[in-house]
C-alpha atoms as a PDB file:
ATOM      1  CA  MET A   1     -25.485  29.018   9.240  1.00  0.00           C
ATOM      2  CA  SER A   2     -25.729  31.213   6.225  1.00  0.00           C
ATOM      3  CA  LEU A   3     -23.028  31.380   3.497  1.00  0.00           C
ATOM      4  CA  VAL A   4     -22.187  35.011   4.474  1.00  0.00           C
ATOM      5  CA  GLU A   5     -21.810  34.052   8.158  1.00  0.00           C
ATOM      6  CA  PHE A   6     -19.555  31.105   7.364  1.00  0.00           C
ATOM      7  CA  ALA A   7     -17.425  33.229   4.923  1.00  0.00           C
ATOM      8  CA  LYS A   8     -16.810  35.733   7.621  1.00  0.00           C
ATOM      9  CA  LEU A   9     -15.768  33.030  10.139  1.00  0.00           C
ATOM     10  CA  ALA A  10     -13.491  31.531   7.552  1.00  0.00           C
ATOM     11  CA  LYS A  11     -12.118  34.921   6.513  1.00  0.00           C
ATOM     12  CA  LEU A  12     -12.751  34.055   2.811  1.00  0.00           C
ATOM     13  CA  SER A  13     -14.958  35.747   0.333  1.00  0.00           C
ATOM     14  CA  THR A  14     -18.697  34.698  -0.055  1.00  0.00           C
ATOM     15  CA  ALA A  15     -18.088  34.049  -3.769  1.00  0.00           C
ATOM     16  CA  TYR A  16     -15.139  31.724  -3.113  1.00  0.00           C
ATOM     17  CA  ILE A  17     -17.131  29.739  -0.428  1.00  0.00           C
ATOM     18  CA  ASN A  18     -19.823  29.387  -2.987  1.00  0.00           C
ATOM     19  CA  GLN A  19     -17.298  28.030  -5.533  1.00  0.00           C
ATOM     20  CA  LEU A  20     -15.950  25.627  -2.937  1.00  0.00           C
ATOM     21  CA  GLU A  21     -19.496  24.333  -2.361  1.00  0.00           C
ATOM     22  CA  ARG A  22     -20.073  23.884  -6.039  1.00  0.00           C
ATOM     23  CA  ASN A  23     -16.565  22.684  -6.733  1.00  0.00           C
ATOM     24  CA  VAL A  24     -16.431  24.660  -9.896  1.00  0.00           C
ATOM     25  CA  ASN A  25     -14.108  27.690 -10.978  1.00  0.00           C
ATOM     26  CA  PRO A  26     -16.354  29.951 -12.953  1.00  0.00           C
ATOM     27  CA  LYS A  27     -13.409  31.215 -14.982  1.00  0.00           C
ATOM     28  CA  THR A  28     -12.243  27.800 -16.130  1.00  0.00           C
ATOM     29  CA  GLY A  29     -15.164  25.573 -15.560  1.00  0.00           C
ATOM     30  CA  GLU A  30     -12.689  23.112 -13.845  1.00  0.00           C
ATOM     31  CA  SER A  31     -12.776  21.789 -10.316  1.00  0.00           C
ATOM     32  CA  ILE A  32     -11.561  24.081  -7.519  1.00  0.00           C
ATOM     33  CA  VAL A  33      -8.050  23.422  -6.140  1.00  0.00           C
ATOM     34  CA  PRO A  34      -8.121  24.891  -2.598  1.00  0.00           C
ATOM     35  CA  SER A  35      -4.757  25.807  -0.983  1.00  0.00           C
ATOM     36  CA  LEU A  36      -3.559  24.302   2.207  1.00  0.00           C
ATOM     37  CA  GLU A  37      -4.207  27.727   3.803  1.00  0.00           C
ATOM     38  CA  THR A  38      -7.911  27.506   2.723  1.00  0.00           C
ATOM     39  CA  PHE A  39      -8.152  24.132   4.367  1.00  0.00           C
ATOM     40  CA  TYR A  40      -6.891  25.644   7.680  1.00  0.00           C
ATOM     41  CA  LYS A  41      -9.219  28.551   7.479  1.00  0.00           C
ATOM     42  CA  VAL A  42     -12.230  26.315   6.785  1.00  0.00           C
ATOM     43  CA  SER A  43     -11.281  23.862   9.578  1.00  0.00           C
ATOM     44  CA  ASN A  44     -11.189  26.936  11.963  1.00  0.00           C
ATOM     45  CA  ALA A  45     -14.496  28.239  10.878  1.00  0.00           C
ATOM     46  CA  MET A  46     -16.049  24.741  11.390  1.00  0.00           C
ATOM     47  CA  ASN A  47     -14.346  24.647  14.757  1.00  0.00           C
ATOM     48  CA  ILE A  48     -12.644  21.325  14.087  1.00  0.00           C
ATOM     49  CA  SER A  49      -9.043  20.428  13.639  1.00  0.00           C
ATOM     50  CA  LEU A  50      -7.292  20.207  10.325  1.00  0.00           C
ATOM     51  CA  ASP A  51      -6.928  16.527  10.776  1.00  0.00           C
ATOM     52  CA  GLU A  52     -10.701  16.061  11.162  1.00  0.00           C
ATOM     53  CA  LEU A  53     -11.432  18.158   8.052  1.00  0.00           C
ATOM     54  CA  LEU A  54      -8.937  16.102   5.995  1.00  0.00           C
ATOM     55  CA  THR A  55     -10.731  12.863   6.960  1.00  0.00           C
ATOM     56  CA  MET A  56     -13.889  14.257   5.319  1.00  0.00           C
ATOM     57  CA  VAL A  57     -12.115  15.245   2.005  1.00  0.00           C
ATOM     58  CA  ASP A  58     -12.123  12.887  -0.938  1.00  0.00           C
ATOM     59  CA  GLU A  59      -8.457  11.358  -1.220  1.00  0.00           C
ATOM     60  CA  ASN A  60      -8.522  12.420  -4.887  1.00  0.00           C
ATOM     61  CA  GLN A  61      -9.209  16.006  -4.086  1.00  0.00           C
ATOM     62  CA  PRO A  62      -6.148  18.110  -5.393  1.00  0.00           C
ATOM     63  CA  VAL A  63      -4.417  20.572  -2.984  1.00  0.00           C
ATOM     64  CA  GLY A  64      -2.610  23.678  -3.912  1.00  0.00           C
ATOM     65  CA  LEU A  65       0.669  23.683  -2.000  1.00  0.00           C
ATOM     66  CA  ALA A  66       3.077  26.592  -1.717  1.00  0.00           C
ATOM     67  CA  GLY A  67       6.385  26.904   0.120  1.00  0.00           C
ATOM     68  CA  VAL A  68       7.357  23.311   0.008  1.00  0.00           C
ATOM     69  CA  GLN A  69      10.885  22.881  -1.331  1.00  0.00           C
ATOM     70  CA  SER A  70      12.335  19.677  -2.547  1.00  0.00           C
ATOM     71  CA  TYR A  71      15.889  18.891  -3.652  1.00  0.00           C
ATOM     72  CA  GLU A  72      17.785  16.912  -6.381  1.00  0.00           C
ATOM     73  CA  LYS A  73      21.401  15.766  -5.728  1.00  0.00           C
ATOM     74  CA  PRO A  74      23.567  17.637  -4.890  1.00  0.00           C
ATOM     75  CA  PHE A  75      21.382  18.719  -2.035  1.00  0.00           C
ATOM     76  CA  THR A  76      22.382  22.439  -2.229  1.00  0.00           C
ATOM     77  CA  GLN A  77      20.580  22.856  -5.510  1.00  0.00           C
ATOM     78  CA  GLU A  78      17.232  24.348  -4.630  1.00  0.00           C
ATOM     79  CA  ARG A  79      14.188  23.358  -6.683  1.00  0.00           C
ATOM     80  CA  PRO A  80      11.197  25.259  -5.232  1.00  0.00           C
ATOM     81  CA  LEU A  81       7.756  23.971  -6.351  1.00  0.00           C
ATOM     82  CA  PRO A  82       5.741  26.685  -8.296  1.00  0.00           C
ATOM     83  CA  SER A  83       3.209  28.331  -6.037  1.00  0.00           C
ATOM     84  CA  ASN A  84       0.270  27.401  -8.317  1.00  0.00           C
ATOM     85  CA  ILE A  85       1.147  23.687  -8.672  1.00  0.00           C
ATOM     86  CA  MET A  86      -1.661  21.207  -8.571  1.00  0.00           C
ATOM     87  CA  VAL A  87      -0.877  17.974  -6.681  1.00  0.00           C
ATOM     88  CA  PRO A  88      -2.919  14.935  -5.619  1.00  0.00           C
ATOM     89  CA  ALA A  89      -4.478  15.002  -2.043  1.00  0.00           C
ATOM     90  CA  GLY A  90      -1.803  15.315   0.515  1.00  0.00           C
ATOM     91  CA  ARG A  91      -0.892  12.828   3.132  1.00  0.00           C
ATOM     92  CA  GLN A  92      -0.144  13.498   6.884  1.00  0.00           C
ATOM     93  CA  ILE A  93       3.370  12.936   8.400  1.00  0.00           C
ATOM     94  CA  PRO A  94       3.997  13.295  12.132  1.00  0.00           C
ATOM     95  CA  ILE A  95       5.891  16.390  13.534  1.00  0.00           C
ATOM     96  CA  LEU A  96       8.283  14.899  16.201  1.00  0.00           C
ATOM     97  CA  GLY A  97       9.657  18.078  17.728  1.00  0.00           C
ATOM     98  CA  THR A  98      12.769  20.142  17.244  1.00  0.00           C
ATOM     99  CA  ILE A  99      16.227  19.386  15.715  1.00  0.00           C
ATOM    100  CA  CYS A 100      19.208  21.686  15.931  1.00  0.00           C
ATOM    101  CA  ALA A 101      20.933  23.284  13.008  1.00  0.00           C
ATOM    102  CA  GLY A 102      23.607  24.834  15.420  1.00  0.00           C
ATOM    103  CA  ASN A 103      25.178  23.568  18.574  1.00  0.00           C
ATOM    104  CA  GLY A 104      24.145  21.974  21.844  1.00  0.00           C
ATOM    105  CA  ILE A 105      20.429  21.760  21.221  1.00  0.00           C
ATOM    106  CA  HIS A 106      18.576  18.415  22.143  1.00  0.00           C
ATOM    107  CA  CYS A 107      16.219  16.678  19.788  1.00  0.00           C
ATOM    108  CA  GLU A 108      12.781  16.927  21.505  1.00  0.00           C
ATOM    109  CA  GLU A 109      11.025  13.917  20.182  1.00  0.00           C
ATOM    110  CA  ASN A 110       7.584  14.965  21.285  1.00  0.00           C
ATOM    111  CA  PHE A 111       4.671  14.463  18.999  1.00  0.00           C
ATOM    112  CA  GLU A 112       3.323  17.839  17.918  1.00  0.00           C
ATOM    113  CA  GLY A 113       0.685  16.789  15.350  1.00  0.00           C
ATOM    114  CA  TYR A 114       0.763  16.294  11.645  1.00  0.00           C
ATOM    115  CA  PHE A 115       2.128  18.112   8.502  1.00  0.00           C
ATOM    116  CA  LEU A 116       0.236  17.879   5.319  1.00  0.00           C
ATOM    117  CA  VAL A 117       2.592  17.201   2.449  1.00  0.00           C
ATOM    118  CA  ASP A 118       2.287  16.246  -1.287  1.00  0.00           C
ATOM    119  CA  ARG A 119       2.233  12.329  -1.573  1.00  0.00           C
ATOM    120  CA  SER A 120       5.333  12.687  -3.771  1.00  0.00           C
ATOM    121  CA  ILE A 121       7.450  13.730  -0.729  1.00  0.00           C
ATOM    122  CA  LYS A 122       8.604  10.377   0.618  1.00  0.00           C
ATOM    123  CA  ALA A 123       9.197  11.455   4.243  1.00  0.00           C
ATOM    124  CA  ASP A 124       8.502   9.399   7.279  1.00  0.00           C
ATOM    125  CA  TYR A 125       8.389  12.320   9.682  1.00  0.00           C
ATOM    126  CA  CYS A 126       9.589  15.892  10.147  1.00  0.00           C
ATOM    127  CA  LEU A 127      11.250  18.019  12.678  1.00  0.00           C
ATOM    128  CA  ARG A 128      11.367  21.784  13.194  1.00  0.00           C
ATOM    129  CA  VAL A 129      14.734  23.380  12.595  1.00  0.00           C
ATOM    130  CA  LYS A 130      16.437  25.507  15.227  1.00  0.00           C
ATOM    131  CA  GLY A 131      19.692  27.432  14.407  1.00  0.00           C
ATOM    132  CA  ASP A 132      21.557  28.770  11.339  1.00  0.00           C
ATOM    133  CA  SER A 133      24.350  26.335  10.742  1.00  0.00           C
ATOM    134  CA  MET A 134      22.703  25.126   7.449  1.00  0.00           C
ATOM    135  CA  VAL A 135      21.862  28.394   5.769  1.00  0.00           C
ATOM    136  CA  ASP A 136      24.111  27.753   2.793  1.00  0.00           C
ATOM    137  CA  ALA A 137      22.119  24.663   2.112  1.00  0.00           C
ATOM    138  CA  GLY A 138      18.886  26.735   2.143  1.00  0.00           C
ATOM    139  CA  ILE A 139      17.810  25.419   5.577  1.00  0.00           C
ATOM    140  CA  TYR A 140      16.844  28.240   7.947  1.00  0.00           C
ATOM    141  CA  ASP A 141      15.898  28.803  11.594  1.00  0.00           C
ATOM    142  CA  GLY A 142      12.143  27.941  11.914  1.00  0.00           C
ATOM    143  CA  ASP A 143      11.971  25.701   8.750  1.00  0.00           C
ATOM    144  CA  VAL A 144      10.524  22.125   8.892  1.00  0.00           C
ATOM    145  CA  ALA A 145      12.900  19.373   7.773  1.00  0.00           C
ATOM    146  CA  PHE A 146      11.417  16.266   6.128  1.00  0.00           C
ATOM    147  CA  LEU A 147      13.284  13.211   7.077  1.00  0.00           C
ATOM    148  CA  ARG A 148      13.270   9.588   5.515  1.00  0.00           C
ATOM    149  CA  LYS A 149      14.324   6.767   7.913  1.00  0.00           C
ATOM    150  CA  ASP A 150      15.436   4.101   5.235  1.00  0.00           C
ATOM    151  CA  PHE A 151      18.295   5.307   2.930  1.00  0.00           C
ATOM    152  CA  ASP A 152      21.644   4.355   1.506  1.00  0.00           C
ATOM    153  CA  PHE A 153      24.341   6.395   3.049  1.00  0.00           C
ATOM    154  CA  VAL A 154      26.197   8.730   0.665  1.00  0.00           C
ATOM    155  CA  ASP A 155      29.090  11.013   1.561  1.00  0.00           C
ATOM    156  CA  GLY A 156      28.151  14.685   1.407  1.00  0.00           C
ATOM    157  CA  GLU A 157      24.505  14.329   1.892  1.00  0.00           C
ATOM    158  CA  ILE A 158      22.467  15.990   4.806  1.00  0.00           C
ATOM    159  CA  TYR A 159      21.345  13.866   7.568  1.00  0.00           C
ATOM    160  CA  ALA A 160      19.860  14.357  11.030  1.00  0.00           C
ATOM    161  CA  VAL A 161      22.204  12.863  13.598  1.00  0.00           C
ATOM    162  CA  CYS A 162      22.496  12.233  17.289  1.00  0.00           C
ATOM    163  CA  TYR A 163      26.024  12.085  18.628  1.00  0.00           C
ATOM    164  CA  GLY A 164      28.191  12.808  21.707  1.00  0.00           C
ATOM    165  CA  ALA A 165      27.709  12.146  25.388  1.00  0.00           C
ATOM    166  CA  GLU A 166      24.554  14.234  25.374  1.00  0.00           C
ATOM    167  CA  GLU A 167      23.159  12.860  22.110  1.00  0.00           C
ATOM    168  CA  SER A 168      22.579  16.329  20.722  1.00  0.00           C
ATOM    169  CA  ALA A 169      20.652  16.200  17.550  1.00  0.00           C
ATOM    170  CA  SER A 170      21.706  18.103  14.482  1.00  0.00           C
ATOM    171  CA  LEU A 171      21.292  18.507  10.739  1.00  0.00           C
ATOM    172  CA  LYS A 172      24.747  18.185   9.017  1.00  0.00           C
ATOM    173  CA  LYS A 173      26.520  17.044   5.900  1.00  0.00           C
ATOM    174  CA  LEU A 174      28.213  13.820   6.784  1.00  0.00           C
ATOM    175  CA  TYR A 175      31.434  12.375   5.386  1.00  0.00           C
ATOM    176  CA  LYS A 176      32.944   8.996   6.545  1.00  0.00           C
ATOM    177  CA  VAL A 177      36.583   8.998   7.029  1.00  0.00           C
ATOM    178  CA  ASP A 178      38.092   5.734   8.144  1.00  0.00           C
ATOM    179  CA  ASN A 179      36.434   5.095  11.605  1.00  0.00           C
ATOM    180  CA  LYS A 180      35.477   8.715  12.037  1.00  0.00           C
ATOM    181  CA  MET A 181      32.508  10.674  10.787  1.00  0.00           C
ATOM    182  CA  MET A 182      32.898  14.248   9.775  1.00  0.00           C
ATOM    183  CA  LEU A 183      29.885  16.445  10.535  1.00  0.00           C
ATOM    184  CA  GLN A 184      30.033  19.444   8.340  1.00  0.00           C
ATOM    185  CA  PRO A 185      27.910  22.537   8.771  1.00  0.00           C
ATOM    186  CA  CYS A 186      26.868  24.723   5.803  1.00  0.00           C
ATOM    187  CA  ASN A 187      27.753  27.964   7.339  1.00  0.00           C
ATOM    188  CA  SER A 188      31.182  29.426   7.477  1.00  0.00           C
ATOM    189  CA  ASP A 189      30.593  30.606  11.038  1.00  0.00           C
ATOM    190  CA  TYR A 190      30.660  27.045  12.222  1.00  0.00           C
ATOM    191  CA  THR A 191      33.486  24.417  12.040  1.00  0.00           C
ATOM    192  CA  ALA A 192      33.336  20.725  11.201  1.00  0.00           C
ATOM    193  CA  GLU A 193      33.476  18.125  13.767  1.00  0.00           C
ATOM    194  CA  PHE A 194      35.066  14.680  13.730  1.00  0.00           C
ATOM    195  CA  VAL A 195      33.324  11.982  15.731  1.00  0.00           C
ATOM    196  CA  ASP A 196      33.776   8.303  16.228  1.00  0.00           C
ATOM    197  CA  ALA A 197      31.566   6.602  13.649  1.00  0.00           C
ATOM    198  CA  ASP A 198      30.384   4.219  16.437  1.00  0.00           C
ATOM    199  CA  ASP A 199      29.168   7.307  18.443  1.00  0.00           C
ATOM    200  CA  VAL A 200      26.894   8.698  15.598  1.00  0.00           C
ATOM    201  CA  VAL A 201      23.379   7.627  15.311  1.00  0.00           C
ATOM    202  CA  ILE A 202      21.795   8.797  11.935  1.00  0.00           C
ATOM    203  CA  VAL A 203      18.244   9.646  12.652  1.00  0.00           C
ATOM    204  CA  GLY A 204      17.218   9.960   9.015  1.00  0.00           C
ATOM    205  CA  GLU A 205      18.111  11.511   5.629  1.00  0.00           C
ATOM    206  CA  CYS A 206      16.977  15.014   5.142  1.00  0.00           C
ATOM    207  CA  ILE A 207      15.076  14.994   1.791  1.00  0.00           C
ATOM    208  CA  GLY A 208      13.614  18.556   1.742  1.00  0.00           C
ATOM    209  CA  THR A 209      12.424  21.474   3.821  1.00  0.00           C
ATOM    210  CA  TYR A 210       9.420  23.768   4.186  1.00  0.00           C
ATOM    211  CA  HIS A 211      10.212  27.441   4.638  1.00  0.00           C
ATOM    212  CA  ALA A 212       8.046  28.682   7.378  1.00  0.00           C
ATOM    213  CA  ARG A 213       8.370  32.243   6.435  1.00  0.00           C
END
């Protein structure tokens, strides 16, 4: 296949494909830092999955990531990464379904594939967010929540929890009050719930989100 043909399939310019092959930015003389979107386009053009393409890439290859948002305590302080940040090659974490940021939705723990993240994001897995109960914390419907399984519980942090007879799964701020757990939404349209601590299973600590739009 010619360079021109491949560029059309990948929906990238011929000049950029040429730069990728040479791995040199003609303006700076430095190595190319392709974005995650570029990886998707190239994998589609090669008719392989993103996972397959990533296994072919040198682990030291930097990846340009945009849209990943991380947090410092308190959680509500947003610290978006610059869109032109250069990070080491990403790693894959599993997407395990949907978690509710509202009421009455079950956590569908079905494996959906992998999400490529910067190695500095210490998440074990991620879930898609459904609902609007956490919008004041910068977590929106359609976002991807990154969760860490091992953590030290701290009042007022955001966790993924299963609770109640139906074990509905939600993202909430948690506060422990005696033998009760208060599940606090971050949206004034929702009210806090008090649940017996023994009935609450903390699935993981939410350490960041990816805005899908």
